[in-house]
Amino acid sequence: MHRVNKILQNEDGLTTVELLTVIGILGLLGLAFYSLFAFSFLGHNQAQNIAQKQTDLLLVQTYFRNELANAIEIHLLDSLPDPIDNSYNYIYLDDGSLIMRKGTETRTIVENKVNNLLFSLEEATGSNQNSLYRYILVYSVNDIESSLILNNINYEISSNNKPIIAYRKP
């Protein structure tokens, strides 16, 4: 403590070595704070991107669950029929947007955020050959794969991997 008081009372000031030492220490502290800020910012952006992907997937999952889980009739189509049969609802992908068409109303469910959406129906095999058919809709949104078991399907769906789903609700 006595030495610090003596340095402060000295009117000669700081030497060049002392000044460079202080500047070096401040530079290291500045670099440490900059690295901490940059790392935090990068981590925040990554977490935000993951949250957005999960939100998009949850939106599509909820939509499929509400619309398709208890559909009484489902068909996979190569293209929309001309003229449109208003007794069916249609789900399809258009330039990264998930589109739903009910009657004359067309609605975008997820807009320009869906990188990959694959409609595929697979028959679930069971031990009992006389049971009703169970089908699973497998899809992926932003490279996150998910699936939905479709109930109340009492006929065999023969075509898979078509881009449009036509369905009727009870």
N, C-alpha and C. Protein backbone atom coordinates (compact mmCIF):
# COMPACT_ATOMS: atom_id res chain seq x y z
N MET A 1 0.83 -1.18 0.00
CA MET A 1 0.00 0.00 0.00
C MET A 1 0.88 1.25 0.00
N HIS A 2 1.97 1.17 0.75
CA HIS A 2 2.89 2.30 0.83
C HIS A 2 3.49 2.60 -0.53
N ARG A 3 3.78 1.56 -1.30
CA ARG A 3 4.38 1.74 -2.62
C ARG A 3 3.40 2.40 -3.60
N VAL A 4 2.13 2.02 -3.51
CA VAL A 4 1.11 2.61 -4.38
C VAL A 4 0.97 4.10 -4.09
N ASN A 5 0.94 4.46 -2.81
CA ASN A 5 0.86 5.88 -2.44
C ASN A 5 2.07 6.64 -2.95
N LYS A 6 3.24 6.03 -2.88
CA LYS A 6 4.47 6.69 -3.34
C LYS A 6 4.42 6.92 -4.85
N ILE A 7 3.87 5.94 -5.61
CA ILE A 7 3.77 6.09 -7.07
C ILE A 7 2.78 7.19 -7.41
N LEU A 8 1.67 7.26 -6.68
CA LEU A 8 0.66 8.26 -6.96
C LEU A 8 1.14 9.67 -6.61
N GLN A 9 1.99 9.79 -5.58
CA GLN A 9 2.50 11.10 -5.18
C GLN A 9 3.66 11.55 -6.06
N ASN A 10 4.25 10.62 -6.79
CA ASN A 10 5.36 10.95 -7.68
C ASN A 10 4.83 11.79 -8.84
N GLU A 11 5.41 12.95 -9.07
CA GLU A 11 4.95 13.85 -10.11
C GLU A 11 5.56 13.52 -11.46
N ASP A 12 6.41 12.52 -11.54
CA ASP A 12 7.02 12.17 -12.82
C ASP A 12 6.02 11.48 -13.75
N GLY A 13 4.95 10.89 -13.25
CA GLY A 13 3.94 10.21 -14.07
C GLY A 13 4.30 8.75 -14.29
N LEU A 14 3.67 8.18 -15.30
CA LEU A 14 3.88 6.77 -15.62
C LEU A 14 4.98 6.63 -16.66
N THR A 15 5.71 5.56 -16.55
CA THR A 15 6.73 5.27 -17.56
C THR A 15 6.06 4.65 -18.78
N THR A 16 6.77 4.59 -19.86
CA THR A 16 6.23 4.02 -21.10
C THR A 16 5.89 2.55 -20.91
N VAL A 17 6.70 1.82 -20.19
CA VAL A 17 6.45 0.39 -19.94
C VAL A 17 5.16 0.22 -19.15
N GLU A 18 4.96 1.04 -18.14
CA GLU A 18 3.73 0.95 -17.35
C GLU A 18 2.51 1.29 -18.20
N LEU A 19 2.64 2.32 -19.02
CA LEU A 19 1.54 2.71 -19.90
C LEU A 19 1.20 1.60 -20.90
N LEU A 20 2.20 1.00 -21.50
CA LEU A 20 1.97 -0.10 -22.44
C LEU A 20 1.37 -1.32 -21.74
N THR A 21 1.77 -1.55 -20.51
CA THR A 21 1.21 -2.67 -19.74
C THR A 21 -0.27 -2.44 -19.50
N VAL A 22 -0.65 -1.24 -19.11
CA VAL A 22 -2.06 -0.92 -18.87
C VAL A 22 -2.86 -1.05 -20.16
N ILE A 23 -2.33 -0.54 -21.27
CA ILE A 23 -3.02 -0.64 -22.56
C ILE A 23 -3.18 -2.11 -22.97
N GLY A 24 -2.14 -2.92 -22.75
CA GLY A 24 -2.22 -4.35 -23.07
C GLY A 24 -3.28 -5.06 -22.24
N ILE A 25 -3.34 -4.74 -20.94
CA ILE A 25 -4.34 -5.37 -20.07
C ILE A 25 -5.75 -4.95 -20.50
N LEU A 26 -5.94 -3.66 -20.80
CA LEU A 26 -7.24 -3.19 -21.27
C LEU A 26 -7.61 -3.84 -22.61
N GLY A 27 -6.64 -4.03 -23.48
CA GLY A 27 -6.89 -4.70 -24.76
C GLY A 27 -7.33 -6.14 -24.56
N LEU A 28 -6.69 -6.85 -23.64
CA LEU A 28 -7.09 -8.23 -23.35
C LEU A 28 -8.49 -8.30 -22.76
N LEU A 29 -8.81 -7.37 -21.86
CA LEU A 29 -10.16 -7.33 -21.30
C LEU A 29 -11.19 -7.01 -22.38
N GLY A 30 -10.85 -6.07 -23.27
CA GLY A 30 -11.77 -5.75 -24.38
C GLY A 30 -11.99 -6.94 -25.29
N LEU A 31 -10.92 -7.67 -25.59
CA LEU A 31 -11.03 -8.86 -26.43
C LEU A 31 -11.89 -9.92 -25.75
N ALA A 32 -11.72 -10.08 -24.45
CA ALA A 32 -12.52 -11.07 -23.71
C ALA A 32 -14.01 -10.70 -23.75
N PHE A 33 -14.33 -9.42 -23.53
CA PHE A 33 -15.72 -8.98 -23.57
C PHE A 33 -16.31 -9.09 -24.99
N TYR A 34 -15.50 -8.77 -26.00
CA TYR A 34 -15.97 -8.91 -27.37
C TYR A 34 -16.26 -10.37 -27.70
N SER A 35 -15.37 -11.28 -27.29
CA SER A 35 -15.58 -12.71 -27.53
C SER A 35 -16.84 -13.20 -26.83
N LEU A 36 -17.04 -12.75 -25.60
CA LEU A 36 -18.24 -13.14 -24.85
C LEU A 36 -19.49 -12.64 -25.56
N PHE A 37 -19.48 -11.39 -26.02
CA PHE A 37 -20.63 -10.82 -26.72
C PHE A 37 -20.88 -11.57 -28.03
N ALA A 38 -19.84 -11.81 -28.81
CA ALA A 38 -19.99 -12.49 -30.09
C ALA A 38 -20.52 -13.91 -29.89
N PHE A 39 -20.01 -14.62 -28.89
CA PHE A 39 -20.47 -15.98 -28.61
C PHE A 39 -21.94 -15.96 -28.18
N SER A 40 -22.31 -15.00 -27.34
CA SER A 40 -23.71 -14.91 -26.89
C SER A 40 -24.63 -14.61 -28.06
N PHE A 41 -24.23 -13.70 -28.93
CA PHE A 41 -25.03 -13.34 -30.08
C PHE A 41 -25.21 -14.52 -31.02
N LEU A 42 -24.13 -15.26 -31.28
CA LEU A 42 -24.19 -16.44 -32.14
C LEU A 42 -25.10 -17.51 -31.52
N GLY A 43 -24.94 -17.74 -30.22
CA GLY A 43 -25.79 -18.73 -29.54
C GLY A 43 -27.26 -18.34 -29.58
N HIS A 44 -27.53 -17.06 -29.42
CA HIS A 44 -28.92 -16.59 -29.49
C HIS A 44 -29.51 -16.82 -30.87
N ASN A 45 -28.76 -16.51 -31.92
CA ASN A 45 -29.26 -16.71 -33.28
C ASN A 45 -29.51 -18.19 -33.58
N GLN A 46 -28.62 -19.06 -33.12
CA GLN A 46 -28.82 -20.49 -33.33
C GLN A 46 -30.06 -20.98 -32.59
N ALA A 47 -30.23 -20.54 -31.35
CA ALA A 47 -31.41 -20.94 -30.58
C ALA A 47 -32.69 -20.42 -31.22
N GLN A 48 -32.64 -19.21 -31.76
CA GLN A 48 -33.81 -18.64 -32.42
C GLN A 48 -34.16 -19.42 -33.68
N ASN A 49 -33.17 -19.85 -34.45
CA ASN A 49 -33.42 -20.65 -35.65
C ASN A 49 -34.03 -22.00 -35.29
N ILE A 50 -33.51 -22.63 -34.24
CA ILE A 50 -34.06 -23.92 -33.80
C ILE A 50 -35.49 -23.75 -33.34
N ALA A 51 -35.76 -22.70 -32.57
CA ALA A 51 -37.12 -22.45 -32.09
C ALA A 51 -38.08 -22.20 -33.25
N GLN A 52 -37.63 -21.49 -34.30
CA GLN A 52 -38.49 -21.24 -35.46
C GLN A 52 -38.80 -22.54 -36.19
N LYS A 53 -37.80 -23.40 -36.35
CA LYS A 53 -38.03 -24.69 -37.00
C LYS A 53 -39.01 -25.53 -36.20
N GLN A 54 -38.86 -25.55 -34.88
CA GLN A 54 -39.78 -26.32 -34.04
C GLN A 54 -41.19 -25.75 -34.08
N THR A 55 -41.30 -24.43 -34.14
CA THR A 55 -42.62 -23.80 -34.23
C THR A 55 -43.30 -24.16 -35.55
N ASP A 56 -42.55 -24.13 -36.65
CA ASP A 56 -43.10 -24.52 -37.94
C ASP A 56 -43.57 -25.97 -37.91
N LEU A 57 -42.74 -26.85 -37.34
CA LEU A 57 -43.11 -28.26 -37.27
C LEU A 57 -44.35 -28.45 -36.40
N LEU A 58 -44.43 -27.78 -35.27
CA LEU A 58 -45.59 -27.90 -34.38
C LEU A 58 -46.86 -27.41 -35.08
N LEU A 59 -46.75 -26.33 -35.83
CA LEU A 59 -47.90 -25.82 -36.57
C LEU A 59 -48.40 -26.84 -37.59
N VAL A 60 -47.48 -27.45 -38.33
CA VAL A 60 -47.87 -28.46 -39.32
C VAL A 60 -48.42 -29.71 -38.63
N GLN A 61 -47.80 -30.14 -37.53
CA GLN A 61 -48.29 -31.30 -36.79
C GLN A 61 -49.72 -31.07 -36.29
N THR A 62 -49.96 -29.91 -35.71
CA THR A 62 -51.29 -29.60 -35.19
C THR A 62 -52.31 -29.55 -36.32
N TYR A 63 -51.93 -28.95 -37.42
CA TYR A 63 -52.83 -28.86 -38.56
C TYR A 63 -53.19 -30.26 -39.08
N PHE A 64 -52.17 -31.09 -39.30
CA PHE A 64 -52.44 -32.45 -39.77
C PHE A 64 -53.30 -33.23 -38.79
N ARG A 65 -53.00 -33.09 -37.51
CA ARG A 65 -53.78 -33.80 -36.49
C ARG A 65 -55.24 -33.36 -36.56
N ASN A 66 -55.49 -32.06 -36.65
CA ASN A 66 -56.86 -31.56 -36.68
C ASN A 66 -57.59 -31.92 -37.97
N GLU A 67 -56.89 -31.92 -39.08
CA GLU A 67 -57.53 -32.14 -40.37
C GLU A 67 -57.58 -33.60 -40.81
N LEU A 68 -56.52 -34.36 -40.57
CA LEU A 68 -56.41 -35.68 -41.17
C LEU A 68 -56.57 -36.87 -40.23
N ALA A 69 -56.38 -36.67 -38.94
CA ALA A 69 -56.34 -37.82 -38.03
C ALA A 69 -57.62 -38.64 -38.09
N ASN A 70 -58.77 -38.02 -38.26
CA ASN A 70 -60.03 -38.75 -38.29
C ASN A 70 -60.77 -38.60 -39.61
N ALA A 71 -60.02 -38.38 -40.68
CA ALA A 71 -60.65 -38.28 -42.00
C ALA A 71 -61.29 -39.61 -42.36
N ILE A 72 -62.42 -39.55 -43.05
CA ILE A 72 -63.10 -40.79 -43.42
C ILE A 72 -62.69 -41.28 -44.80
N GLU A 73 -62.08 -40.41 -45.58
CA GLU A 73 -61.64 -40.81 -46.91
C GLU A 73 -60.42 -39.96 -47.28
N ILE A 74 -59.35 -40.62 -47.72
CA ILE A 74 -58.13 -39.93 -48.10
C ILE A 74 -57.64 -40.48 -49.43
N HIS A 75 -57.26 -39.57 -50.32
CA HIS A 75 -56.67 -39.95 -51.60
C HIS A 75 -55.42 -39.12 -51.82
N LEU A 76 -54.42 -39.72 -52.44
CA LEU A 76 -53.23 -38.99 -52.83
C LEU A 76 -53.30 -38.75 -54.34
N LEU A 77 -53.06 -37.50 -54.75
CA LEU A 77 -53.22 -37.13 -56.15
C LEU A 77 -51.92 -36.56 -56.70
N ASP A 78 -51.76 -36.66 -58.02
CA ASP A 78 -50.62 -36.04 -58.70
C ASP A 78 -50.85 -34.55 -58.93
N SER A 79 -52.10 -34.15 -59.15
CA SER A 79 -52.43 -32.74 -59.39
C SER A 79 -53.85 -32.47 -58.92
N LEU A 80 -54.17 -31.19 -58.76
CA LEU A 80 -55.52 -30.82 -58.38
C LEU A 80 -56.47 -31.17 -59.52
N PRO A 81 -57.65 -31.73 -59.20
CA PRO A 81 -58.59 -32.08 -60.27
C PRO A 81 -59.17 -30.82 -60.92
N ASP A 82 -59.51 -30.95 -62.18
CA ASP A 82 -60.12 -29.84 -62.90
C ASP A 82 -61.44 -30.33 -63.47
N PRO A 83 -62.57 -29.92 -63.00
CA PRO A 83 -62.83 -28.90 -61.98
C PRO A 83 -62.62 -29.47 -60.58
N ILE A 84 -62.42 -28.57 -59.62
CA ILE A 84 -62.22 -28.93 -58.22
C ILE A 84 -63.51 -29.51 -57.65
N ASP A 85 -63.39 -30.66 -56.99
CA ASP A 85 -64.53 -31.27 -56.30
C ASP A 85 -64.62 -30.65 -54.91
N ASN A 86 -65.62 -29.81 -54.68
CA ASN A 86 -65.75 -29.09 -53.41
C ASN A 86 -66.16 -29.97 -52.24
N SER A 87 -66.46 -31.23 -52.49
CA SER A 87 -66.78 -32.13 -51.37
C SER A 87 -65.51 -32.64 -50.69
N TYR A 88 -64.35 -32.40 -51.30
CA TYR A 88 -63.06 -32.78 -50.73
C TYR A 88 -62.31 -31.53 -50.27
N ASN A 89 -61.46 -31.72 -49.28
CA ASN A 89 -60.48 -30.72 -48.88
C ASN A 89 -59.13 -31.16 -49.45
N TYR A 90 -58.24 -30.21 -49.75
CA TYR A 90 -56.96 -30.53 -50.37
C TYR A 90 -55.83 -29.89 -49.57
N ILE A 91 -54.75 -30.62 -49.43
CA ILE A 91 -53.52 -30.12 -48.82
C ILE A 91 -52.40 -30.38 -49.82
N TYR A 92 -51.59 -29.33 -50.07
CA TYR A 92 -50.47 -29.50 -51.00
C TYR A 92 -49.40 -28.46 -50.70
N LEU A 93 -48.22 -28.70 -51.28
CA LEU A 93 -47.08 -27.81 -51.10
C LEU A 93 -46.87 -27.01 -52.37
N ASP A 94 -46.72 -25.68 -52.23
CA ASP A 94 -46.51 -24.80 -53.37
C ASP A 94 -45.37 -23.84 -53.06
N ASP A 95 -44.21 -24.06 -53.68
CA ASP A 95 -43.02 -23.20 -53.49
C ASP A 95 -42.68 -22.98 -52.02
N GLY A 96 -42.63 -24.04 -51.24
CA GLY A 96 -42.25 -23.94 -49.83
C GLY A 96 -43.38 -23.54 -48.91
N SER A 97 -44.57 -23.35 -49.42
CA SER A 97 -45.73 -22.98 -48.60
C SER A 97 -46.70 -24.15 -48.54
N LEU A 98 -47.20 -24.45 -47.36
CA LEU A 98 -48.20 -25.49 -47.18
C LEU A 98 -49.57 -24.84 -47.38
N ILE A 99 -50.31 -25.33 -48.38
CA ILE A 99 -51.59 -24.74 -48.77
C ILE A 99 -52.72 -25.70 -48.44
N MET A 100 -53.83 -25.16 -47.93
CA MET A 100 -55.03 -25.94 -47.66
C MET A 100 -56.18 -25.32 -48.45
N ARG A 101 -56.93 -26.16 -49.12
CA ARG A 101 -58.08 -25.69 -49.88
C ARG A 101 -59.32 -26.41 -49.39
N LYS A 102 -60.29 -25.64 -48.87
CA LYS A 102 -61.58 -26.17 -48.42
C LYS A 102 -62.65 -25.51 -49.26
N GLY A 103 -63.28 -26.27 -50.11
CA GLY A 103 -64.31 -25.70 -50.98
C GLY A 103 -63.69 -24.65 -51.89
N THR A 104 -64.18 -23.42 -51.79
CA THR A 104 -63.64 -22.33 -52.60
C THR A 104 -62.59 -21.52 -51.85
N GLU A 105 -62.39 -21.81 -50.58
CA GLU A 105 -61.43 -21.07 -49.75
C GLU A 105 -60.04 -21.71 -49.85
N THR A 106 -59.03 -20.89 -50.13
CA THR A 106 -57.64 -21.35 -50.14
C THR A 106 -56.89 -20.61 -49.05
N ARG A 107 -56.17 -21.35 -48.21
CA ARG A 107 -55.49 -20.75 -47.07
C ARG A 107 -54.06 -21.26 -46.99
N THR A 108 -53.11 -20.38 -46.68
CA THR A 108 -51.72 -20.77 -46.50
C THR A 108 -51.49 -21.08 -45.03
N ILE A 109 -51.04 -22.30 -44.74
CA ILE A 109 -50.80 -22.72 -43.35
C ILE A 109 -49.42 -22.26 -42.90
N VAL A 110 -48.38 -22.59 -43.66
CA VAL A 110 -47.01 -22.18 -43.38
C VAL A 110 -46.48 -21.58 -44.68
N GLU A 111 -45.99 -20.36 -44.62
CA GLU A 111 -45.59 -19.65 -45.84
C GLU A 111 -44.08 -19.58 -45.98
N ASN A 112 -43.58 -20.10 -47.11
CA ASN A 112 -42.17 -19.99 -47.51
C ASN A 112 -41.18 -20.44 -46.44
N LYS A 113 -41.56 -21.36 -45.58
CA LYS A 113 -40.66 -21.84 -44.54
C LYS A 113 -40.48 -23.34 -44.59
N VAL A 114 -41.23 -24.01 -45.43
CA VAL A 114 -41.17 -25.47 -45.48
C VAL A 114 -40.18 -25.86 -46.56
N ASN A 115 -39.04 -26.41 -46.15
CA ASN A 115 -38.02 -26.82 -47.12
C ASN A 115 -38.36 -28.15 -47.76
N ASN A 116 -38.86 -29.07 -46.96
CA ASN A 116 -39.11 -30.42 -47.47
C ASN A 116 -40.36 -30.95 -46.80
N LEU A 117 -41.36 -31.25 -47.59
CA LEU A 117 -42.60 -31.81 -47.07
C LEU A 117 -42.97 -32.98 -47.97
N LEU A 118 -42.92 -34.17 -47.41
CA LEU A 118 -43.16 -35.38 -48.19
C LEU A 118 -44.42 -36.05 -47.67
N PHE A 119 -45.39 -36.23 -48.53
CA PHE A 119 -46.59 -36.95 -48.16
C PHE A 119 -46.38 -38.40 -48.57
N SER A 120 -46.41 -39.29 -47.59
CA SER A 120 -46.23 -40.70 -47.88
C SER A 120 -47.12 -41.50 -46.96
N LEU A 121 -47.86 -42.40 -47.51
CA LEU A 121 -48.71 -43.26 -46.71
C LEU A 121 -48.13 -44.66 -46.71
N GLU A 122 -48.00 -45.23 -45.54
CA GLU A 122 -47.44 -46.56 -45.40
C GLU A 122 -48.41 -47.43 -44.62
N GLU A 123 -48.60 -48.64 -45.08
CA GLU A 123 -49.48 -49.55 -44.37
C GLU A 123 -48.75 -50.08 -43.15
N ALA A 124 -49.38 -50.00 -42.01
CA ALA A 124 -48.80 -50.54 -40.78
C ALA A 124 -49.10 -52.03 -40.74
N THR A 125 -48.08 -52.87 -40.67
CA THR A 125 -48.28 -54.31 -40.67
C THR A 125 -48.55 -54.78 -39.25
N GLY A 126 -49.41 -55.73 -39.14
CA GLY A 126 -49.75 -56.28 -37.84
C GLY A 126 -49.76 -57.78 -37.90
N SER A 127 -49.94 -58.42 -36.76
CA SER A 127 -49.94 -59.88 -36.72
C SER A 127 -51.27 -60.46 -37.18
N ASN A 128 -52.35 -59.69 -37.06
CA ASN A 128 -53.66 -60.17 -37.45
C ASN A 128 -53.95 -59.73 -38.89
N GLN A 129 -54.10 -60.67 -39.81
CA GLN A 129 -54.31 -60.35 -41.22
C GLN A 129 -55.72 -59.83 -41.50
N ASN A 130 -56.68 -60.04 -40.60
CA ASN A 130 -58.06 -59.63 -40.81
C ASN A 130 -58.37 -58.25 -40.22
N SER A 131 -57.40 -57.55 -39.72
CA SER A 131 -57.66 -56.26 -39.09
C SER A 131 -57.85 -55.17 -40.14
N LEU A 132 -58.40 -54.03 -39.70
CA LEU A 132 -58.54 -52.89 -40.59
C LEU A 132 -57.18 -52.33 -40.92
N TYR A 133 -57.11 -51.61 -42.02
CA TYR A 133 -55.86 -50.99 -42.40
C TYR A 133 -55.57 -49.80 -41.51
N ARG A 134 -54.32 -49.65 -41.15
CA ARG A 134 -53.84 -48.45 -40.45
C ARG A 134 -52.79 -47.82 -41.33
N TYR A 135 -52.85 -46.52 -41.47
CA TYR A 135 -51.89 -45.82 -42.31
C TYR A 135 -51.20 -44.72 -41.52
N ILE A 136 -49.97 -44.46 -41.91
CA ILE A 136 -49.17 -43.45 -41.24
C ILE A 136 -48.76 -42.41 -42.27
N LEU A 137 -49.01 -41.16 -41.96
CA LEU A 137 -48.57 -40.07 -42.82
C LEU A 137 -47.21 -39.62 -42.32
N VAL A 138 -46.19 -39.76 -43.15
CA VAL A 138 -44.82 -39.39 -42.78
C VAL A 138 -44.47 -38.12 -43.54
N TYR A 139 -43.95 -37.14 -42.82
CA TYR A 139 -43.59 -35.87 -43.45
C TYR A 139 -42.40 -35.27 -42.73
N SER A 140 -41.72 -34.38 -43.40
CA SER A 140 -40.61 -33.68 -42.75
C SER A 140 -40.70 -32.19 -43.07
N VAL A 141 -40.48 -31.38 -42.06
CA VAL A 141 -40.50 -29.93 -42.18
C VAL A 141 -39.16 -29.43 -41.66
N ASN A 142 -38.45 -28.66 -42.47
CA ASN A 142 -37.13 -28.15 -42.10
C ASN A 142 -36.20 -29.27 -41.64
N ASP A 143 -36.24 -30.37 -42.35
CA ASP A 143 -35.38 -31.53 -42.09
C ASP A 143 -35.66 -32.21 -40.74
N ILE A 144 -36.79 -31.93 -40.13
CA ILE A 144 -37.22 -32.62 -38.91
C ILE A 144 -38.38 -33.52 -39.31
N GLU A 145 -38.20 -34.82 -39.14
CA GLU A 145 -39.22 -35.76 -39.58
C GLU A 145 -40.23 -36.03 -38.48
N SER A 146 -41.47 -36.20 -38.88
CA SER A 146 -42.54 -36.51 -37.95
C SER A 146 -43.55 -37.39 -38.65
N SER A 147 -44.52 -37.90 -37.92
CA SER A 147 -45.52 -38.77 -38.53
C SER A 147 -46.84 -38.66 -37.77
N LEU A 148 -47.89 -39.15 -38.39
CA LEU A 148 -49.23 -39.12 -37.82
C LEU A 148 -49.95 -40.40 -38.23
N ILE A 149 -50.53 -41.10 -37.28
CA ILE A 149 -51.33 -42.29 -37.58
C ILE A 149 -52.72 -41.82 -37.98
N LEU A 150 -53.19 -42.28 -39.12
CA LEU A 150 -54.51 -41.91 -39.62
C LEU A 150 -55.52 -42.95 -39.19
N ASN A 151 -56.58 -42.51 -38.53
CA ASN A 151 -57.63 -43.40 -38.03
C ASN A 151 -58.78 -43.49 -39.03
N ASN A 152 -59.63 -44.45 -38.84
CA ASN A 152 -60.89 -44.58 -39.57
C ASN A 152 -60.72 -44.75 -41.07
N ILE A 153 -59.62 -45.30 -41.50
CA ILE A 153 -59.44 -45.60 -42.91
C ILE A 153 -59.83 -47.06 -43.09
N ASN A 154 -60.90 -47.32 -43.81
CA ASN A 154 -61.39 -48.69 -43.92
C ASN A 154 -61.23 -49.25 -45.33
N TYR A 155 -60.32 -48.71 -46.09
CA TYR A 155 -60.02 -49.23 -47.42
C TYR A 155 -58.53 -49.08 -47.65
N GLU A 156 -58.03 -49.78 -48.64
CA GLU A 156 -56.60 -49.73 -48.92
C GLU A 156 -56.27 -48.55 -49.83
N ILE A 157 -55.30 -47.77 -49.44
CA ILE A 157 -54.81 -46.68 -50.27
C ILE A 157 -53.63 -47.23 -51.05
N SER A 158 -53.76 -47.28 -52.36
CA SER A 158 -52.75 -47.97 -53.15
C SER A 158 -51.60 -47.08 -53.61
N SER A 159 -51.82 -45.77 -53.71
CA SER A 159 -50.77 -44.91 -54.26
C SER A 159 -50.05 -44.15 -53.16
N ASN A 160 -48.75 -44.11 -53.23
CA ASN A 160 -47.92 -43.41 -52.24
C ASN A 160 -47.14 -42.28 -52.90
N ASN A 161 -46.60 -41.41 -52.07
CA ASN A 161 -45.68 -40.34 -52.48
C ASN A 161 -46.25 -39.43 -53.57
N LYS A 162 -47.48 -39.04 -53.42
CA LYS A 162 -48.10 -38.08 -54.32
C LYS A 162 -48.08 -36.71 -53.63
N PRO A 163 -48.03 -35.63 -54.41
CA PRO A 163 -47.85 -34.32 -53.79
C PRO A 163 -49.11 -33.68 -53.20
N ILE A 164 -50.29 -34.22 -53.47
CA ILE A 164 -51.54 -33.59 -53.01
C ILE A 164 -52.36 -34.61 -52.24
N ILE A 165 -52.89 -34.19 -51.10
CA ILE A 165 -53.78 -35.03 -50.32
C ILE A 165 -55.19 -34.48 -50.46
N ALA A 166 -56.12 -35.34 -50.89
CA ALA A 166 -57.54 -34.99 -50.94
C ALA A 166 -58.21 -35.81 -49.84
N TYR A 167 -59.06 -35.17 -49.02
CA TYR A 167 -59.67 -35.89 -47.90
C TYR A 167 -61.06 -35.34 -47.60
N ARG A 168 -61.83 -36.18 -46.93
CA ARG A 168 -63.15 -35.78 -46.43
C ARG A 168 -63.16 -36.00 -44.93
N LYS A 169 -63.78 -35.06 -44.25
CA LYS A 169 -63.92 -35.19 -42.80
C LYS A 169 -65.33 -35.68 -42.49
N PRO A 170 -65.50 -36.35 -41.33
CA PRO A 170 -66.85 -36.84 -40.98
C PRO A 170 -67.83 -35.71 -40.75
